[in-house]
PDB file of N, CA and C in Angstrom:
ATOM      1  N   LEU A   1      11.851  -0.178 -37.059  1.00  0.00           N
ATOM      2  CA  LEU A   1      11.305   0.049 -35.059  1.00  0.00           C
ATOM      3  C   LEU A   1      10.862  -1.524 -34.362  1.00  0.00           C
ATOM      4  N   LEU A   2      10.128  -2.310 -35.783  1.00  0.00           N
ATOM      5  CA  LEU A   2      10.479  -3.566 -35.107  1.00  0.00           C
ATOM      6  C   LEU A   2      11.694  -4.172 -34.457  1.00  0.00           C
ATOM      7  N   ALA A   3      12.411  -3.704 -34.799  1.00  0.00           N
ATOM      8  CA  ALA A   3      14.301  -4.369 -34.410  1.00  0.00           C
ATOM      9  C   ALA A   3      14.237  -3.755 -33.407  1.00  0.00           C
ATOM     10  N   GLU A   4      14.080  -3.102 -33.149  1.00  0.00           N
ATOM     11  CA  GLU A   4      14.664  -1.374 -32.003  1.00  0.00           C
ATOM     12  C   GLU A   4      12.853  -3.007 -30.788  1.00  0.00           C
ATOM     13  N   GLU A   5      12.769  -3.132 -30.656  1.00  0.00           N
ATOM     14  CA  GLU A   5      12.017  -2.837 -30.292  1.00  0.00           C
ATOM     15  C   GLU A   5      11.996  -4.512 -29.735  1.00  0.00           C
ATOM     16  N   LYS A   6      12.784  -5.363 -30.003  1.00  0.00           N
ATOM     17  CA  LYS A   6      13.477  -6.579 -30.672  1.00  0.00           C
ATOM     18  C   LYS A   6      14.179  -6.589 -28.605  1.00  0.00           C
ATOM     19  N   ALA A   7      15.560  -5.933 -29.511  1.00  0.00           N
ATOM     20  CA  ALA A   7      16.714  -5.803 -28.888  1.00  0.00           C
ATOM     21  C   ALA A   7      15.926  -4.632 -27.104  1.00  0.00           C
ATOM     22  N   LEU A   8      14.779  -4.036 -27.009  1.00  0.00           N
ATOM     23  CA  LEU A   8      14.735  -3.482 -25.915  1.00  0.00           C
ATOM     24  C   LEU A   8      14.289  -4.439 -24.968  1.00  0.00           C
ATOM     25  N   THR A   9      13.292  -5.641 -25.813  1.00  0.00           N
ATOM     26  CA  THR A   9      13.046  -7.533 -25.373  1.00  0.00           C
ATOM     27  C   THR A   9      14.220  -8.223 -24.942  1.00  0.00           C
ATOM     28  N   ARG A  10      14.955  -8.063 -26.210  1.00  0.00           N
ATOM     29  CA  ARG A  10      15.839  -9.118 -24.655  1.00  0.00           C
ATOM     30  C   ARG A  10      17.087  -8.433 -23.735  1.00  0.00           C
ATOM     31  N   GLU A  11      17.653  -6.812 -23.518  1.00  0.00           N
ATOM     32  CA  GLU A  11      17.430  -5.794 -22.899  1.00  0.00           C
ATOM     33  C   GLU A  11      16.508  -6.149 -21.285  1.00  0.00           C
ATOM     34  N   ARG A  12      15.297  -6.171 -21.779  1.00  0.00           N
ATOM     35  CA  ARG A  12      14.123  -6.220 -20.518  1.00  0.00           C
ATOM     36  C   ARG A  12      14.455  -8.265 -20.370  1.00  0.00           C
ATOM     37  N   ASP A  13      15.162  -8.701 -20.608  1.00  0.00           N
ATOM     38  CA  ASP A  13      15.149  -9.970 -20.395  1.00  0.00           C
ATOM     39  C   ASP A  13      16.879 -10.331 -20.312  1.00  0.00           C
ATOM     40  N   ARG A  14      16.610  -9.447 -20.472  1.00  0.00           N
ATOM     41  CA  ARG A  14      18.321  -9.840 -19.236  1.00  0.00           C
ATOM     42  C   ARG A  14      18.548  -9.401 -18.259  1.00  0.00           C
ATOM     43  N   LEU A  15      18.421  -8.295 -18.342  1.00  0.00           N
ATOM     44  CA  LEU A  15      17.601  -7.328 -16.601  1.00  0.00           C
ATOM     45  C   LEU A  15      17.230  -8.409 -15.880  1.00  0.00           C
ATOM     46  N   SER A  16      16.218  -8.274 -16.166  1.00  0.00           N
ATOM     47  CA  SER A  16      15.408  -9.560 -15.629  1.00  0.00           C
ATOM     48  C   SER A  16      15.663 -10.613 -14.920  1.00  0.00           C
ATOM     49  N   ALA A  17      16.363 -11.149 -16.041  1.00  0.00           N
ATOM     50  CA  ALA A  17      17.128 -12.884 -15.464  1.00  0.00           C
ATOM     51  C   ALA A  17      18.359 -11.958 -14.148  1.00  0.00           C
ATOM     52  N   GLU A  18      18.952 -11.053 -14.230  1.00  0.00           N
ATOM     53  CA  GLU A  18      19.840 -10.304 -13.662  1.00  0.00           C
ATOM     54  C   GLU A  18      19.339  -9.844 -12.239  1.00  0.00           C
ATOM     55  N   ARG A  19      17.931  -9.576 -12.080  1.00  0.00           N
ATOM     56  CA  ARG A  19      17.291  -9.431 -10.763  1.00  0.00           C
ATOM     57  C   ARG A  19      17.044 -10.224  -9.815  1.00  0.00           C
ATOM     58  N   ARG A  20      16.632 -11.566 -10.883  1.00  0.00           N
ATOM     59  CA  ARG A  20      15.906 -12.081  -9.892  1.00  0.00           C
ATOM     60  C   ARG A  20      17.643 -14.209  -9.547  1.00  0.00           C
ATOM     61  N   ALA A  21      18.534 -13.145 -10.410  1.00  0.00           N
ATOM     62  CA  ALA A  21      19.665 -14.625  -9.727  1.00  0.00           C
ATOM     63  C   ALA A  21      20.279 -13.594  -8.249  1.00  0.00           C
ATOM     64  N   LEU A  22      19.859 -11.618  -7.935  1.00  0.00           N
ATOM     65  CA  LEU A  22      20.282 -11.397  -7.054  1.00  0.00           C
ATOM     66  C   LEU A  22      19.700 -12.446  -5.679  1.00  0.00           C
ATOM     67  N   PRO A  23      21.064 -12.397  -4.762  1.00  0.00           N
ATOM     68  CA  PRO A  23      20.524 -13.275  -3.209  1.00  0.00           C
ATOM     69  C   PRO A  23      18.878 -13.400  -2.542  1.00  0.00           C
ATOM     70  N   TRP A  24      17.999 -13.731  -1.646  1.00  0.00           N
ATOM     71  CA  TRP A  24      17.445 -13.221  -1.717  1.00  0.00           C
ATOM     72  C   TRP A  24      18.253 -12.631   0.381  1.00  0.00           C
ATOM     73  N   VAL A  25      17.364 -12.040   0.415  1.00  0.00           N
ATOM     74  CA  VAL A  25      18.351 -11.662   2.233  1.00  0.00           C
ATOM     75  C   VAL A  25      16.897 -11.542   2.973  1.00  0.00           C
ATOM     76  N   LYS A  26      17.729 -12.573   4.157  1.00  0.00           N
ATOM     77  CA  LYS A  26      17.072 -11.977   5.880  1.00  0.00           C
ATOM     78  C   LYS A  26      17.097 -11.572   5.630  1.00  0.00           C
ATOM     79  N   VAL A  27      16.303 -11.135   6.571  1.00  0.00           N
ATOM     80  CA  VAL A  27      14.861  -9.989   7.055  1.00  0.00           C
ATOM     81  C   VAL A  27      15.604 -10.251   9.219  1.00  0.00           C
ATOM     82  N   GLU A  28      16.493  -9.724   9.225  1.00  0.00           N
ATOM     83  CA  GLU A  28      17.265 -10.876  10.653  1.00  0.00           C
ATOM     84  C   GLU A  28      17.162 -10.132  11.647  1.00  0.00           C
ATOM     85  N   LYS A  29      15.791  -8.532  12.326  1.00  0.00           N
ATOM     86  CA  LYS A  29      15.356  -7.643  12.816  1.00  0.00           C
ATOM     87  C   LYS A  29      14.698  -8.395  13.197  1.00  0.00           C
ATOM     88  N   THR A  30      14.288  -7.816  14.396  1.00  0.00           N
ATOM     89  CA  THR A  30      12.751  -8.500  14.582  1.00  0.00           C
ATOM     90  C   THR A  30      11.862  -6.541  15.055  1.00  0.00           C
ATOM     91  N   TYR A  31      10.749  -6.594  13.967  1.00  0.00           N
ATOM     92  CA  TYR A  31       9.189  -5.591  13.589  1.00  0.00           C
ATOM     93  C   TYR A  31       8.813  -5.858  14.396  1.00  0.00           C
ATOM     94  N   VAL A  32       8.807  -5.038  15.537  1.00  0.00           N
ATOM     95  CA  VAL A  32       7.360  -5.540  16.303  1.00  0.00           C
ATOM     96  C   VAL A  32       6.318  -4.025  15.848  1.00  0.00           C
ATOM     97  N   PHE A  33       4.537  -4.879  15.725  1.00  0.00           N
ATOM     98  CA  PHE A  33       3.362  -3.351  15.232  1.00  0.00           C
ATOM     99  C   PHE A  33       3.267  -3.900  16.119  1.00  0.00           C
ATOM    100  N   ASP A  34       2.123  -3.338  16.091  1.00  0.00           N
ATOM    101  CA  ASP A  34       0.697  -2.230  17.093  1.00  0.00           C
ATOM    102  C   ASP A  34       0.178  -3.233  15.894  1.00  0.00           C
ATOM    103  N   THR A  35      -0.805  -3.960  16.179  1.00  0.00           N
ATOM    104  CA  THR A  35      -2.532  -4.465  15.099  1.00  0.00           C
ATOM    105  C   THR A  35      -2.691  -3.921  16.388  1.00  0.00           C
ATOM    106  N   ALA A  36      -4.211  -4.928  15.466  1.00  0.00           N
ATOM    107  CA  ALA A  36      -5.971  -4.862  16.572  1.00  0.00           C
ATOM    108  C   ALA A  36      -5.627  -6.013  17.931  1.00  0.00           C
ATOM    109  N   ASP A  37      -5.387  -6.699  16.869  1.00  0.00           N
ATOM    110  CA  ASP A  37      -5.004  -8.240  18.101  1.00  0.00           C
ATOM    111  C   ASP A  37      -3.243  -7.705  18.846  1.00  0.00           C
ATOM    112  N   GLY A  38      -2.627  -6.520  19.394  1.00  0.00           N
ATOM    113  CA  GLY A  38      -1.787  -6.767  20.285  1.00  0.00           C
ATOM    114  C   GLY A  38      -0.053  -6.549  18.628  1.00  0.00           C
ATOM    115  N   LYS A  39       0.618  -6.720  19.863  1.00  0.00           N
ATOM    116  CA  LYS A  39       1.803  -6.419  19.235  1.00  0.00           C
ATOM    117  C   LYS A  39       2.520  -7.402  18.622  1.00  0.00           C
ATOM    118  N   LYS A  40       2.644  -7.634  17.089  1.00  0.00           N
ATOM    119  CA  LYS A  40       2.933  -9.164  16.757  1.00  0.00           C
ATOM    120  C   LYS A  40       4.508  -8.202  15.598  1.00  0.00           C
ATOM    121  N   THR A  41       4.848  -9.736  15.471  1.00  0.00           N
ATOM    122  CA  THR A  41       6.455  -9.362  14.876  1.00  0.00           C
ATOM    123  C   THR A  41       6.106  -9.289  12.376  1.00  0.00           C
ATOM    124  N   LEU A  42       7.286  -9.248  12.407  1.00  0.00           N
ATOM    125  CA  LEU A  42       6.658  -8.955  11.341  1.00  0.00           C
ATOM    126  C   LEU A  42       6.639 -10.512  10.450  1.00  0.00           C
ATOM    127  N   ALA A  43       6.879 -11.267  11.207  1.00  0.00           N
ATOM    128  CA  ALA A  43       7.314 -12.776  10.732  1.00  0.00           C
ATOM    129  C   ALA A  43       5.698 -12.846  11.144  1.00  0.00           C
ATOM    130  N   GLU A  44       4.750 -13.038  12.375  1.00  0.00           N
ATOM    131  CA  GLU A  44       3.367 -13.192  12.910  1.00  0.00           C
ATOM    132  C   GLU A  44       2.330 -12.639  11.422  1.00  0.00           C
ATOM    133  N   LEU A  45       2.659 -11.388  11.087  1.00  0.00           N
ATOM    134  CA  LEU A  45       1.971 -10.372  10.689  1.00  0.00           C
ATOM    135  C   LEU A  45       1.113 -11.346   9.308  1.00  0.00           C
ATOM    136  N   PHE A  46       2.424 -12.395   8.775  1.00  0.00           N
ATOM    137  CA  PHE A  46       2.511 -13.211   7.545  1.00  0.00           C
ATOM    138  C   PHE A  46       1.788 -14.404   7.606  1.00  0.00           C
ATOM    139  N   GLY A  47       1.735 -14.690   8.567  1.00  0.00           N
ATOM    140  CA  GLY A  47       0.470 -16.390   8.763  1.00  0.00           C
ATOM    141  C   GLY A  47       2.354 -17.207   8.987  1.00  0.00           C
ATOM    142  N   GLY A  48       3.076 -17.766   8.968  1.00  0.00           N
ATOM    143  CA  GLY A  48       4.081 -18.037   9.057  1.00  0.00           C
ATOM    144  C   GLY A  48       4.614 -17.941   7.547  1.00  0.00           C
ATOM    145  N   LYS A  49       4.519 -17.426   6.445  1.00  0.00           N
ATOM    146  CA  LYS A  49       4.619 -17.776   5.263  1.00  0.00           C
ATOM    147  C   LYS A  49       5.981 -17.238   4.822  1.00  0.00           C
ATOM    148  N   SER A  50       6.841 -17.699   4.231  1.00  0.00           N
ATOM    149  CA  SER A  50       8.212 -17.530   4.240  1.00  0.00           C
ATOM    150  C   SER A  50       9.045 -16.572   3.029  1.00  0.00           C
ATOM    151  N   GLN A  51       8.028 -16.284   2.455  1.00  0.00           N
ATOM    152  CA  GLN A  51       7.600 -14.384   1.183  1.00  0.00           C
ATOM    153  C   GLN A  51       7.276 -13.313   2.175  1.00  0.00           C
ATOM    154  N   LEU A  52       7.435 -12.640   1.114  1.00  0.00           N
ATOM    155  CA  LEU A  52       7.845 -11.367   1.590  1.00  0.00           C
ATOM    156  C   LEU A  52       7.242 -10.013   0.537  1.00  0.00           C
ATOM    157  N   LEU A  53       5.893 -10.009  -0.307  1.00  0.00           N
ATOM    158  CA  LEU A  53       5.360 -10.266  -1.891  1.00  0.00           C
ATOM    159  C   LEU A  53       6.401  -7.403  -1.227  1.00  0.00           C
ATOM    160  N   VAL A  54       6.830  -7.465  -1.452  1.00  0.00           N
ATOM    161  CA  VAL A  54       6.863  -5.732  -1.916  1.00  0.00           C
ATOM    162  C   VAL A  54       6.766  -4.934  -2.702  1.00  0.00           C
ATOM    163  N   TYR A  55       5.345  -3.922  -2.001  1.00  0.00           N
ATOM    164  CA  TYR A  55       4.897  -3.499  -3.632  1.00  0.00           C
ATOM    165  C   TYR A  55       5.142  -1.561  -2.899  1.00  0.00           C
ATOM    166  N   HIS A  56       5.455  -1.157  -4.080  1.00  0.00           N
ATOM    167  CA  HIS A  56       5.891   0.137  -3.578  1.00  0.00           C
ATOM    168  C   HIS A  56       4.031   0.733  -3.994  1.00  0.00           C
ATOM    169  N   PHE A  57       3.309   1.201  -3.572  1.00  0.00           N
ATOM    170  CA  PHE A  57       1.735   2.224  -3.167  1.00  0.00           C
ATOM    171  C   PHE A  57       2.274   3.604  -3.147  1.00  0.00           C
ATOM    172  N   MET A  58       1.719   3.761  -5.024  1.00  0.00           N
ATOM    173  CA  MET A  58       1.800   5.710  -5.022  1.00  0.00           C
ATOM    174  C   MET A  58       0.759   5.909  -4.158  1.00  0.00           C
ATOM    175  N   LEU A  59       1.116   7.161  -2.788  1.00  0.00           N
ATOM    176  CA  LEU A  59      -0.690   8.302  -2.778  1.00  0.00           C
ATOM    177  C   LEU A  59       0.562   8.912  -2.248  1.00  0.00           C
ATOM    178  N   GLY A  60      -0.213  10.172  -3.452  1.00  0.00           N
ATOM    179  CA  GLY A  60       0.574  11.815  -3.138  1.00  0.00           C
ATOM    180  C   GLY A  60       0.238  12.397  -2.116  1.00  0.00           C
ATOM    181  N   PRO A  61       0.981  13.095  -1.152  1.00  0.00           N
ATOM    182  CA  PRO A  61       0.684  13.835  -0.349  1.00  0.00           C
ATOM    183  C   PRO A  61      -0.727  14.659  -1.010  1.00  0.00           C
ATOM    184  N   GLY A  62      -1.600  14.583  -0.432  1.00  0.00           N
ATOM    185  CA  GLY A  62      -3.452  16.034  -1.023  1.00  0.00           C
ATOM    186  C   GLY A  62      -4.060  14.967  -1.285  1.00  0.00           C
ATOM    187  N   TRP A  63      -3.649  13.509  -2.057  1.00  0.00           N
ATOM    188  CA  TRP A  63      -3.838  12.594  -2.137  1.00  0.00           C
ATOM    189  C   TRP A  63      -5.613  12.087  -1.656  1.00  0.00           C
ATOM    190  N   GLU A  64      -6.567  12.128  -2.304  1.00  0.00           N
ATOM    191  CA  GLU A  64      -7.492  10.857  -1.859  1.00  0.00           C
ATOM    192  C   GLU A  64      -7.970  10.252  -2.257  1.00  0.00           C
ATOM    193  N   GLU A  65      -7.340   9.060  -2.992  1.00  0.00           N
ATOM    194  CA  GLU A  65      -7.211   7.689  -3.372  1.00  0.00           C
ATOM    195  C   GLU A  65      -5.866   7.683  -3.650  1.00  0.00           C
ATOM    196  N   GLY A  66      -5.225   6.420  -3.471  1.00  0.00           N
ATOM    197  CA  GLY A  66      -4.338   6.489  -4.610  1.00  0.00           C
ATOM    198  C   GLY A  66      -4.220   6.148  -6.101  1.00  0.00           C
ATOM    199  N   CYS A  67      -3.196   5.421  -6.462  1.00  0.00           N
ATOM    200  CA  CYS A  67      -2.537   5.143  -7.822  1.00  0.00           C
ATOM    201  C   CYS A  67      -3.674   4.786  -7.596  1.00  0.00           C
ATOM    202  N   PRO A  68      -4.075   5.066  -9.942  1.00  0.00           N
ATOM    203  CA  PRO A  68      -4.856   3.903 -10.174  1.00  0.00           C
ATOM    204  C   PRO A  68      -4.878   2.670 -10.328  1.00  0.00           C
ATOM    205  N   SER A  69      -3.198   3.327 -10.721  1.00  0.00           N
ATOM    206  CA  SER A  69      -3.198   1.539 -11.628  1.00  0.00           C
ATOM    207  C   SER A  69      -1.792   0.884 -10.177  1.00  0.00           C
ATOM    208  N   CYS A  70      -1.726   0.609  -9.742  1.00  0.00           N
ATOM    209  CA  CYS A  70      -1.566   0.757  -8.125  1.00  0.00           C
ATOM    210  C   CYS A  70      -2.629   0.078  -7.465  1.00  0.00           C
ATOM    211  N   SER A  71      -3.873   0.612  -7.817  1.00  0.00           N
ATOM    212  CA  SER A  71      -4.687   0.364  -6.746  1.00  0.00           C
ATOM    213  C   SER A  71      -5.142  -0.920  -7.633  1.00  0.00           C
ATOM    214  N   TYR A  72      -5.004  -1.399  -8.505  1.00  0.00           N
ATOM    215  CA  TYR A  72      -5.533  -1.424  -9.475  1.00  0.00           C
ATOM    216  C   TYR A  72      -5.207  -3.482  -9.130  1.00  0.00           C
ATOM    217  N   LEU A  73      -3.495  -3.603  -9.094  1.00  0.00           N
ATOM    218  CA  LEU A  73      -2.686  -4.187  -8.594  1.00  0.00           C
ATOM    219  C   LEU A  73      -2.939  -4.863  -7.073  1.00  0.00           C
ATOM    220  N   ALA A  74      -3.287  -4.163  -6.741  1.00  0.00           N
ATOM    221  CA  ALA A  74      -3.113  -4.228  -4.977  1.00  0.00           C
ATOM    222  C   ALA A  74      -4.223  -5.114  -4.626  1.00  0.00           C
ATOM    223  N   ASP A  75      -5.695  -4.552  -5.405  1.00  0.00           N
ATOM    224  CA  ASP A  75      -6.736  -5.380  -5.877  1.00  0.00           C
ATOM    225  C   ASP A  75      -6.503  -6.629  -6.176  1.00  0.00           C
ATOM    226  N   HIS A  76      -6.073  -6.565  -6.601  1.00  0.00           N
ATOM    227  CA  HIS A  76      -5.747  -8.483  -7.385  1.00  0.00           C
ATOM    228  C   HIS A  76      -4.990  -9.354  -5.933  1.00  0.00           C
ATOM    229  N   PHE A  77      -4.364  -8.695  -5.409  1.00  0.00           N
ATOM    230  CA  PHE A  77      -3.093  -9.616  -4.825  1.00  0.00           C
ATOM    231  C   PHE A  77      -4.608 -11.143  -4.066  1.00  0.00           C
ATOM    232  N   ASP A  78      -3.747 -11.599  -3.943  1.00  0.00           N
ATOM    233  CA  ASP A  78      -4.784 -12.951  -3.242  1.00  0.00           C
ATOM    234  C   ASP A  78      -4.032 -14.178  -2.677  1.00  0.00           C
ATOM    235  N   GLY A  79      -3.210 -12.869  -1.168  1.00  0.00           N
ATOM    236  CA  GLY A  79      -2.137 -14.492  -0.853  1.00  0.00           C
ATOM    237  C   GLY A  79      -1.868 -15.376  -1.364  1.00  0.00           C
ATOM    238  N   ALA A  80      -1.931 -15.646  -2.304  1.00  0.00           N
ATOM    239  CA  ALA A  80      -1.079 -17.052  -2.709  1.00  0.00           C
ATOM    240  C   ALA A  80       0.147 -17.197  -2.630  1.00  0.00           C
TER     241      ALA A  80
END
């Protein structure tokens, strides 16, 4: 079992390295959103920051609340 776990760890590390090596993709289209402060572009929503984190937050049809794990993670984003 230990050998299989180590092999899995090495494979995950290899895949993670591949993902990190992917090129960044610049958002060229001007997206505009309606906010409480009026219309804002995607760039304006994020206060001039150059990177955007995208997270898939699971909320199923008919759910009263989001996925507990997703909620926990989202509660700890601090904008850093």
